[in-house]
Amino acid sequence: LESDVHRLLLLKPLEELLAQRLAVLDTGTGVS
């Protein structure tokens, strides 16, 4: 369980970082 939790703690920040970068791009507003 500790190993799975540490894996989640390592992977989730990368997902959040990518999501934040996508939000900054905001291509939908630009193309609209």
Full PDB file with SEQRES, HELIX, SHEET, SSBOND, CRYST1, ORIGX, SCALE, CONECT and MASTER records, all heavy atoms in Angstrom:
SEQRES   1 A   32  LEU GLU SER ASP VAL HIS ARG LEU LEU LEU LEU LYS PRO          
SEQRES   2 A   32  LEU GLU GLU LEU LEU ALA GLN ARG LEU ALA VAL LEU ASP          
SEQRES   3 A   32  THR GLY THR GLY VAL SER                                      
HELIX    1 AA1 GLU A    2  LEU A   25  1                                  24    
HELIX    2 AA2 THR A   27  VAL A   31  1                                   5    
CRYST1    1.000    1.000    1.000  90.00  90.00  90.00 P 1           1          
ORIGX1      1.000000  0.000000  0.000000        0.00000                         
ORIGX2      0.000000  1.000000  0.000000        0.00000                         
ORIGX3      0.000000  0.000000  1.000000        0.00000                         
SCALE1      1.000000  0.000000  0.000000        0.00000                         
SCALE2      0.000000  1.000000  0.000000        0.00000                         
SCALE3      0.000000  0.000000  1.000000        0.00000                         
ATOM      1  N   LEU A   1       0.838  -1.214   0.000  1.00  0.00           N  
ATOM      2  CA  LEU A   1       0.000   0.000   0.000  1.00  0.00           C  
ATOM      3  C   LEU A   1       0.865   1.253   0.000  1.00  0.00           C  
ATOM      4  O   LEU A   1       0.586   2.226  -0.712  1.00  0.00           O  
ATOM      5  CB  LEU A   1      -0.916  -0.011   1.222  1.00  0.00           C  
ATOM      6  CG  LEU A   1      -1.783   1.236   1.420  1.00  0.00           C  
ATOM      7  CD1 LEU A   1      -2.669   1.474   0.212  1.00  0.00           C  
ATOM      8  CD2 LEU A   1      -2.618   1.115   2.692  1.00  0.00           C  
ATOM      9  N   GLU A   2       1.953   1.240   0.788  1.00  0.00           N  
ATOM     10  CA  GLU A   2       2.849   2.385   0.807  1.00  0.00           C  
ATOM     11  C   GLU A   2       3.459   2.630  -0.574  1.00  0.00           C  
ATOM     12  O   GLU A   2       3.587   3.781  -1.035  1.00  0.00           O  
ATOM     13  CB  GLU A   2       3.951   2.153   1.839  1.00  0.00           C  
ATOM     14  CG  GLU A   2       4.934   3.318   1.933  1.00  0.00           C  
ATOM     15  CD  GLU A   2       6.171   2.970   2.751  1.00  0.00           C  
ATOM     16  OE1 GLU A   2       6.340   1.782   3.111  1.00  0.00           O  
ATOM     17  OE2 GLU A   2       6.985   3.877   2.997  1.00  0.00           O  
ATOM     18  N   SER A   3       3.826   1.554  -1.255  1.00  0.00           N  
ATOM     19  CA  SER A   3       4.399   1.690  -2.585  1.00  0.00           C  
ATOM     20  C   SER A   3       3.381   2.304  -3.565  1.00  0.00           C  
ATOM     21  O   SER A   3       3.720   3.197  -4.357  1.00  0.00           O  
ATOM     22  CB  SER A   3       4.856   0.322  -3.090  1.00  0.00           C  
ATOM     23  OG  SER A   3       5.306   0.408  -4.420  1.00  0.00           O  
ATOM     24  N   ASP A   4       2.131   1.847  -3.486  1.00  0.00           N  
ATOM     25  CA  ASP A   4       1.092   2.406  -4.378  1.00  0.00           C  
ATOM     26  C   ASP A   4       0.836   3.877  -4.071  1.00  0.00           C  
ATOM     27  O   ASP A   4       0.648   4.692  -4.987  1.00  0.00           O  
ATOM     28  CB  ASP A   4      -0.198   1.606  -4.217  1.00  0.00           C  
ATOM     29  CG  ASP A   4      -0.059   0.177  -4.732  1.00  0.00           C  
ATOM     30  OD1 ASP A   4       0.794  -0.047  -5.617  1.00  0.00           O  
ATOM     31  OD2 ASP A   4      -0.798  -0.712  -4.242  1.00  0.00           O  
ATOM     32  N   VAL A   5       0.827   4.229  -2.779  1.00  0.00           N  
ATOM     33  CA  VAL A   5       0.587   5.628  -2.409  1.00  0.00           C  
ATOM     34  C   VAL A   5       1.736   6.512  -2.885  1.00  0.00           C  
ATOM     35  O   VAL A   5       1.522   7.624  -3.405  1.00  0.00           O  
ATOM     36  CB  VAL A   5       0.384   5.747  -0.885  1.00  0.00           C  
ATOM     37  CG1 VAL A   5       0.383   7.212  -0.454  1.00  0.00           C  
ATOM     38  CG2 VAL A   5      -0.909   5.074  -0.471  1.00  0.00           C  
ATOM     39  N   HIS A   6       2.960   6.047  -2.725  1.00  0.00           N  
ATOM     40  CA  HIS A   6       4.100   6.840  -3.207  1.00  0.00           C  
ATOM     41  C   HIS A   6       4.064   6.983  -4.732  1.00  0.00           C  
ATOM     42  O   HIS A   6       4.447   8.038  -5.257  1.00  0.00           O  
ATOM     43  CB  HIS A   6       5.412   6.190  -2.744  1.00  0.00           C  
ATOM     44  CG  HIS A   6       5.782   6.522  -1.329  1.00  0.00           C  
ATOM     45  ND1 HIS A   6       6.063   7.793  -0.913  1.00  0.00           N  
ATOM     46  CD2 HIS A   6       5.906   5.738  -0.209  1.00  0.00           C  
ATOM     47  CE1 HIS A   6       6.354   7.805   0.373  1.00  0.00           C  
ATOM     48  NE2 HIS A   6       6.267   6.549   0.842  1.00  0.00           N  
ATOM     49  N   ARG A   7       3.624   5.946  -5.392  1.00  0.00           N  
ATOM     50  CA  ARG A   7       3.490   6.060  -6.854  1.00  0.00           C  
ATOM     51  C   ARG A   7       2.436   7.104  -7.226  1.00  0.00           C  
ATOM     52  O   ARG A   7       2.607   7.876  -8.169  1.00  0.00           O  
ATOM     53  CB  ARG A   7       3.125   4.693  -7.443  1.00  0.00           C  
ATOM     54  CG  ARG A   7       3.239   4.626  -8.960  1.00  0.00           C  
ATOM     55  CD  ARG A   7       3.477   3.187  -9.406  1.00  0.00           C  
ATOM     56  NE  ARG A   7       2.346   2.335  -9.082  1.00  0.00           N  
ATOM     57  CZ  ARG A   7       1.354   2.050  -9.930  1.00  0.00           C  
ATOM     58  NH1 ARG A   7       1.374   2.566 -11.152  1.00  0.00           N  
ATOM     59  NH2 ARG A   7       0.380   1.253  -9.573  1.00  0.00           N  
ATOM     60  N   LEU A   8       1.339   7.125  -6.483  1.00  0.00           N  
ATOM     61  CA  LEU A   8       0.321   8.152  -6.721  1.00  0.00           C  
ATOM     62  C   LEU A   8       0.870   9.546  -6.434  1.00  0.00           C  
ATOM     63  O   LEU A   8       0.613  10.499  -7.199  1.00  0.00           O  
ATOM     64  CB  LEU A   8      -0.900   7.866  -5.835  1.00  0.00           C  
ATOM     65  CG  LEU A   8      -2.050   8.879  -5.908  1.00  0.00           C  
ATOM     66  CD1 LEU A   8      -2.622   8.937  -7.314  1.00  0.00           C  
ATOM     67  CD2 LEU A   8      -3.129   8.534  -4.896  1.00  0.00           C  
ATOM     68  N   LEU A   9       1.654   9.680  -5.353  1.00  0.00           N  
ATOM     69  CA  LEU A   9       2.243  10.979  -5.022  1.00  0.00           C  
ATOM     70  C   LEU A   9       3.254  11.433  -6.069  1.00  0.00           C  
ATOM     71  O   LEU A   9       3.461  12.649  -6.263  1.00  0.00           O  
ATOM     72  CB  LEU A   9       2.923  10.904  -3.645  1.00  0.00           C  
ATOM     73  CG  LEU A   9       1.979  10.793  -2.442  1.00  0.00           C  
ATOM     74  CD1 LEU A   9       2.782  10.529  -1.167  1.00  0.00           C  
ATOM     75  CD2 LEU A   9       1.143  12.061  -2.296  1.00  0.00           C  
ATOM     76  N   LEU A  10       3.879  10.505  -6.754  1.00  0.00           N  
ATOM     77  CA  LEU A  10       4.832  10.859  -7.807  1.00  0.00           C  
ATOM     78  C   LEU A  10       4.138  11.192  -9.130  1.00  0.00           C  
ATOM     79  O   LEU A  10       4.578  12.083  -9.862  1.00  0.00           O  
ATOM     80  CB  LEU A  10       5.824   9.706  -8.017  1.00  0.00           C  
ATOM     81  CG  LEU A  10       6.862   9.487  -6.920  1.00  0.00           C  
ATOM     82  CD1 LEU A  10       7.650   8.211  -7.211  1.00  0.00           C  
ATOM     83  CD2 LEU A  10       7.800  10.689  -6.818  1.00  0.00           C  
ATOM     84  N   LEU A  11       3.070  10.471  -9.456  1.00  0.00           N  
ATOM     85  CA  LEU A  11       2.434  10.620 -10.762  1.00  0.00           C  
ATOM     86  C   LEU A  11       1.436  11.777 -10.813  1.00  0.00           C  
ATOM     87  O   LEU A  11       1.295  12.434 -11.845  1.00  0.00           O  
ATOM     88  CB  LEU A  11       1.715   9.318 -11.150  1.00  0.00           C  
ATOM     89  CG  LEU A  11       2.618   8.117 -11.416  1.00  0.00           C  
ATOM     90  CD1 LEU A  11       1.795   6.856 -11.615  1.00  0.00           C  
ATOM     91  CD2 LEU A  11       3.495   8.370 -12.630  1.00  0.00           C  
ATOM     92  N   LYS A  12       0.737  12.018  -9.718  1.00  0.00           N  
ATOM     93  CA  LYS A  12      -0.310  13.049  -9.738  1.00  0.00           C  
ATOM     94  C   LYS A  12       0.240  14.447 -10.015  1.00  0.00           C  
ATOM     95  O   LYS A  12      -0.380  15.210 -10.768  1.00  0.00           O  
ATOM     96  CB  LYS A  12      -1.064  13.033  -8.403  1.00  0.00           C  
ATOM     97  CG  LYS A  12      -2.396  13.772  -8.447  1.00  0.00           C  
ATOM     98  CD  LYS A  12      -3.353  13.122  -9.427  1.00  0.00           C  
ATOM     99  CE  LYS A  12      -4.672  13.873  -9.454  1.00  0.00           C  
ATOM    100  NZ  LYS A  12      -5.617  13.280 -10.437  1.00  0.00           N  
ATOM    101  N   PRO A  13       1.401  14.841  -9.444  1.00  0.00           N  
ATOM    102  CA  PRO A  13       1.929  16.183  -9.774  1.00  0.00           C  
ATOM    103  C   PRO A  13       2.205  16.369 -11.269  1.00  0.00           C  
ATOM    104  O   PRO A  13       2.001  17.462 -11.801  1.00  0.00           O  
ATOM    105  CB  PRO A  13       3.213  16.267  -8.952  1.00  0.00           C  
ATOM    106  CG  PRO A  13       2.974  15.350  -7.808  1.00  0.00           C  
ATOM    107  CD  PRO A  13       2.185  14.224  -8.372  1.00  0.00           C  
ATOM    108  N   LEU A  14       2.673  15.312 -11.941  1.00  0.00           N  
ATOM    109  CA  LEU A  14       2.906  15.428 -13.383  1.00  0.00           C  
ATOM    110  C   LEU A  14       1.590  15.662 -14.116  1.00  0.00           C  
ATOM    111  O   LEU A  14       1.514  16.507 -15.024  1.00  0.00           O  
ATOM    112  CB  LEU A  14       3.584  14.155 -13.902  1.00  0.00           C  
ATOM    113  CG  LEU A  14       3.789  14.082 -15.419  1.00  0.00           C  
ATOM    114  CD1 LEU A  14       4.666  15.231 -15.899  1.00  0.00           C  
ATOM    115  CD2 LEU A  14       4.381  12.731 -15.816  1.00  0.00           C  
ATOM    116  N   GLU A  15       0.560  14.938 -13.719  1.00  0.00           N  
ATOM    117  CA  GLU A  15      -0.765  15.139 -14.337  1.00  0.00           C  
ATOM    118  C   GLU A  15      -1.252  16.565 -14.110  1.00  0.00           C  
ATOM    119  O   GLU A  15      -1.760  17.214 -15.036  1.00  0.00           O  
ATOM    120  CB  GLU A  15      -1.751  14.134 -13.746  1.00  0.00           C  
ATOM    121  CG  GLU A  15      -3.166  14.291 -14.282  1.00  0.00           C  
ATOM    122  CD  GLU A  15      -4.147  13.383 -13.558  1.00  0.00           C  
ATOM    123  OE1 GLU A  15      -3.701  12.465 -12.843  1.00  0.00           O  
ATOM    124  OE2 GLU A  15      -5.370  13.607 -13.702  1.00  0.00           O  
ATOM    125  N   GLU A  16      -1.094  17.076 -12.878  1.00  0.00           N  
ATOM    126  CA  GLU A  16      -1.544  18.437 -12.579  1.00  0.00           C  
ATOM    127  C   GLU A  16      -0.732  19.470 -13.349  1.00  0.00           C  
ATOM    128  O   GLU A  16      -1.273  20.471 -13.828  1.00  0.00           O  
ATOM    129  CB  GLU A  16      -1.426  18.699 -11.075  1.00  0.00           C  
ATOM    130  CG  GLU A  16      -2.392  17.901 -10.235  1.00  0.00           C  
ATOM    131  CD  GLU A  16      -3.830  18.228 -10.567  1.00  0.00           C  
ATOM    132  OE1 GLU A  16      -4.141  19.430 -10.719  1.00  0.00           O  
ATOM    133  OE2 GLU A  16      -4.641  17.285 -10.684  1.00  0.00           O  
ATOM    134  N   LEU A  17       0.567  19.232 -13.485  1.00  0.00           N  
ATOM    135  CA  LEU A  17       1.410  20.168 -14.232  1.00  0.00           C  
ATOM    136  C   LEU A  17       0.994  20.233 -15.700  1.00  0.00           C  
ATOM    137  O   LEU A  17       0.891  21.322 -16.294  1.00  0.00           O  
ATOM    138  CB  LEU A  17       2.877  19.744 -14.105  1.00  0.00           C  
ATOM    139  CG  LEU A  17       3.904  20.638 -14.797  1.00  0.00           C  
ATOM    140  CD1 LEU A  17       3.896  22.029 -14.174  1.00  0.00           C  
ATOM    141  CD2 LEU A  17       5.300  20.037 -14.702  1.00  0.00           C  
ATOM    142  N   LEU A  18       0.736  19.073 -16.281  1.00  0.00           N  
ATOM    143  CA  LEU A  18       0.282  19.045 -17.675  1.00  0.00           C  
ATOM    144  C   LEU A  18      -1.080  19.715 -17.824  1.00  0.00           C  
ATOM    145  O   LEU A  18      -1.327  20.441 -18.806  1.00  0.00           O  
ATOM    146  CB  LEU A  18       0.216  17.594 -18.164  1.00  0.00           C  
ATOM    147  CG  LEU A  18       1.561  16.859 -18.270  1.00  0.00           C  
ATOM    148  CD1 LEU A  18       1.331  15.396 -18.613  1.00  0.00           C  
ATOM    149  CD2 LEU A  18       2.447  17.511 -19.326  1.00  0.00           C  
ATOM    150  N   ALA A  19      -1.984  19.493 -16.866  1.00  0.00           N  
ATOM    151  CA  ALA A  19      -3.305  20.116 -16.924  1.00  0.00           C  
ATOM    152  C   ALA A  19      -3.203  21.639 -16.809  1.00  0.00           C  
ATOM    153  O   ALA A  19      -3.916  22.378 -17.500  1.00  0.00           O  
ATOM    154  CB  ALA A  19      -4.192  19.561 -15.815  1.00  0.00           C  
ATOM    155  N   GLN A  20      -2.308  22.114 -15.948  1.00  0.00           N  
ATOM    156  CA  GLN A  20      -2.122  23.566 -15.817  1.00  0.00           C  
ATOM    157  C   GLN A  20      -1.568  24.173 -17.100  1.00  0.00           C  
ATOM    158  O   GLN A  20      -1.982  25.262 -17.514  1.00  0.00           O  
ATOM    159  CB  GLN A  20      -1.191  23.858 -14.644  1.00  0.00           C  
ATOM    160  CG  GLN A  20      -1.798  23.562 -13.284  1.00  0.00           C  
ATOM    161  CD  GLN A  20      -0.795  23.705 -12.159  1.00  0.00           C  
ATOM    162  OE1 GLN A  20       0.353  24.120 -12.377  1.00  0.00           O  
ATOM    163  NE2 GLN A  20      -1.205  23.346 -10.947  1.00  0.00           N  
ATOM    164  N   ARG A  21      -0.647  23.467 -17.727  1.00  0.00           N  
ATOM    165  CA  ARG A  21      -0.095  23.982 -18.985  1.00  0.00           C  
ATOM    166  C   ARG A  21      -1.165  24.012 -20.069  1.00  0.00           C  
ATOM    167  O   ARG A  21      -1.244  24.961 -20.859  1.00  0.00           O  
ATOM    168  CB  ARG A  21       1.085  23.101 -19.421  1.00  0.00           C  
ATOM    169  CG  ARG A  21       1.727  23.531 -20.739  1.00  0.00           C  
ATOM    170  CD  ARG A  21       2.145  24.979 -20.703  1.00  0.00           C  
ATOM    171  NE  ARG A  21       2.610  25.434 -22.009  1.00  0.00           N  
ATOM    172  CZ  ARG A  21       2.753  26.719 -22.329  1.00  0.00           C  
ATOM    173  NH1 ARG A  21       2.459  27.672 -21.442  1.00  0.00           N  
ATOM    174  NH2 ARG A  21       3.179  27.069 -23.529  1.00  0.00           N  
ATOM    175  N   LEU A  22      -2.018  23.004 -20.107  1.00  0.00           N  
ATOM    176  CA  LEU A  22      -3.110  23.002 -21.078  1.00  0.00           C  
ATOM    177  C   LEU A  22      -4.085  24.147 -20.816  1.00  0.00           C  
ATOM    178  O   LEU A  22      -4.606  24.755 -21.750  1.00  0.00           O  
ATOM    179  CB  LEU A  22      -3.842  21.658 -21.025  1.00  0.00           C  
ATOM    180  CG  LEU A  22      -3.140  20.492 -21.708  1.00  0.00           C  
ATOM    181  CD1 LEU A  22      -3.853  19.184 -21.404  1.00  0.00           C  
ATOM    182  CD2 LEU A  22      -3.062  20.707 -23.215  1.00  0.00           C  
ATOM    183  N   ALA A  23      -4.332  24.427 -19.542  1.00  0.00           N  
ATOM    184  CA  ALA A  23      -5.224  25.544 -19.223  1.00  0.00           C  
ATOM    185  C   ALA A  23      -4.620  26.878 -19.653  1.00  0.00           C  
ATOM    186  O   ALA A  23      -5.336  27.785 -20.091  1.00  0.00           O  
ATOM    187  CB  ALA A  23      -5.515  25.560 -17.719  1.00  0.00           C  
ATOM    188  N   VAL A  24      -3.292  27.002 -19.538  1.00  0.00           N  
ATOM    189  CA  VAL A  24      -2.632  28.237 -19.963  1.00  0.00           C  
ATOM    190  C   VAL A  24      -2.713  28.401 -21.484  1.00  0.00           C  
ATOM    191  O   VAL A  24      -2.909  29.504 -21.993  1.00  0.00           O  
ATOM    192  CB  VAL A  24      -1.164  28.243 -19.490  1.00  0.00           C  
ATOM    193  CG1 VAL A  24      -0.384  29.389 -20.129  1.00  0.00           C  
ATOM    194  CG2 VAL A  24      -1.104  28.348 -17.976  1.00  0.00           C  
ATOM    195  N   LEU A  25      -2.587  27.300 -22.222  1.00  0.00           N  
ATOM    196  CA  LEU A  25      -2.664  27.390 -23.686  1.00  0.00           C  
ATOM    197  C   LEU A  25      -4.028  27.930 -24.128  1.00  0.00           C  
ATOM    198  O   LEU A  25      -4.118  28.828 -24.967  1.00  0.00           O  
ATOM    199  CB  LEU A  25      -2.426  26.010 -24.307  1.00  0.00           C  
ATOM    200  CG  LEU A  25      -0.981  25.512 -24.307  1.00  0.00           C  
ATOM    201  CD1 LEU A  25      -0.914  24.111 -24.891  1.00  0.00           C  
ATOM    202  CD2 LEU A  25      -0.072  26.449 -25.092  1.00  0.00           C  
ATOM    203  N   ASP A  26      -5.118  27.372 -23.592  1.00  0.00           N  
ATOM    204  CA  ASP A  26      -6.481  27.844 -23.863  1.00  0.00           C  
ATOM    205  C   ASP A  26      -6.717  28.036 -25.370  1.00  0.00           C  
ATOM    206  O   ASP A  26      -7.110  29.111 -25.838  1.00  0.00           O  
ATOM    207  CB  ASP A  26      -6.739  29.156 -23.118  1.00  0.00           C  
ATOM    208  CG  ASP A  26      -8.226  29.465 -23.032  1.00  0.00           C  
ATOM    209  OD1 ASP A  26      -9.031  28.561 -23.320  1.00  0.00           O  
ATOM    210  OD2 ASP A  26      -8.578  30.609 -22.686  1.00  0.00           O  
ATOM    211  N   THR A  27      -6.450  26.993 -26.119  1.00  0.00           N  
ATOM    212  CA  THR A  27      -6.600  27.073 -27.572  1.00  0.00           C  
ATOM    213  C   THR A  27      -8.062  27.243 -27.996  1.00  0.00           C  
ATOM    214  O   THR A  27      -8.344  27.839 -29.040  1.00  0.00           O  
ATOM    215  CB  THR A  27      -6.039  25.800 -28.216  1.00  0.00           C  
ATOM    216  OG1 THR A  27      -6.635  24.658 -27.585  1.00  0.00           O  
ATOM    217  CG2 THR A  27      -4.535  25.729 -28.054  1.00  0.00           C  
ATOM    218  N   GLY A  28      -8.983  26.719 -27.183  1.00  0.00           N  
ATOM    219  CA  GLY A  28     -10.396  26.842 -27.545  1.00  0.00           C  
ATOM    220  C   GLY A  28     -10.828  28.288 -27.637  1.00  0.00           C  
ATOM    221  O   GLY A  28     -11.508  28.699 -28.594  1.00  0.00           O  
ATOM    222  N   THR A  29     -10.431  29.106 -26.653  1.00  0.00           N  
ATOM    223  CA  THR A  29     -10.771  30.534 -26.690  1.00  0.00           C  
ATOM    224  C   THR A  29     -10.095  31.227 -27.870  1.00  0.00           C  
ATOM    225  O   THR A  29     -10.690  32.085 -28.538  1.00  0.00           O  
ATOM    226  CB  THR A  29     -10.346  31.206 -25.373  1.00  0.00           C  
ATOM    227  OG1 THR A  29     -11.001  30.548 -24.283  1.00  0.00           O  
ATOM    228  CG2 THR A  29     -10.716  32.669 -25.368  1.00  0.00           C  
ATOM    229  N   GLY A  30      -8.846  30.845 -28.137  1.00  0.00           N  
ATOM    230  CA  GLY A  30      -8.122  31.476 -29.252  1.00  0.00           C  
ATOM    231  C   GLY A  30      -8.755  31.196 -30.596  1.00  0.00           C  
ATOM    232  O   GLY A  30      -8.938  32.105 -31.413  1.00  0.00           O  
ATOM    233  N   VAL A  31      -9.123  29.940 -30.850  1.00  0.00           N  
ATOM    234  CA  VAL A  31      -9.708  29.616 -32.147  1.00  0.00           C  
ATOM    235  C   VAL A  31     -11.120  30.187 -32.252  1.00  0.00           C  
ATOM    236  O   VAL A  31     -11.563  30.570 -33.352  1.00  0.00           O  
ATOM    237  CB  VAL A  31      -9.697  28.087 -32.370  1.00  0.00           C  
ATOM    238  CG1 VAL A  31     -10.725  27.379 -31.514  1.00  0.00           C  
ATOM    239  CG2 VAL A  31      -9.928  27.753 -33.839  1.00  0.00           C  
ATOM    240  N   SER A  32     -11.839  30.289 -31.133  1.00  0.00           N  
ATOM    241  CA  SER A  32     -13.166  30.911 -31.165  1.00  0.00           C  
ATOM    242  C   SER A  32     -13.053  32.396 -31.506  1.00  0.00           C  
ATOM    243  O   SER A  32     -13.846  32.923 -32.293  1.00  0.00           O  
ATOM    244  CB  SER A  32     -13.867  30.724 -29.824  1.00  0.00           C  
ATOM    245  OG  SER A  32     -14.113  29.360 -29.557  1.00  0.00           O  
TER     246      SER A  32                                                      
MASTER        0    0    0    2    0    0    0    6  245    1    0    3          
END                                                                             
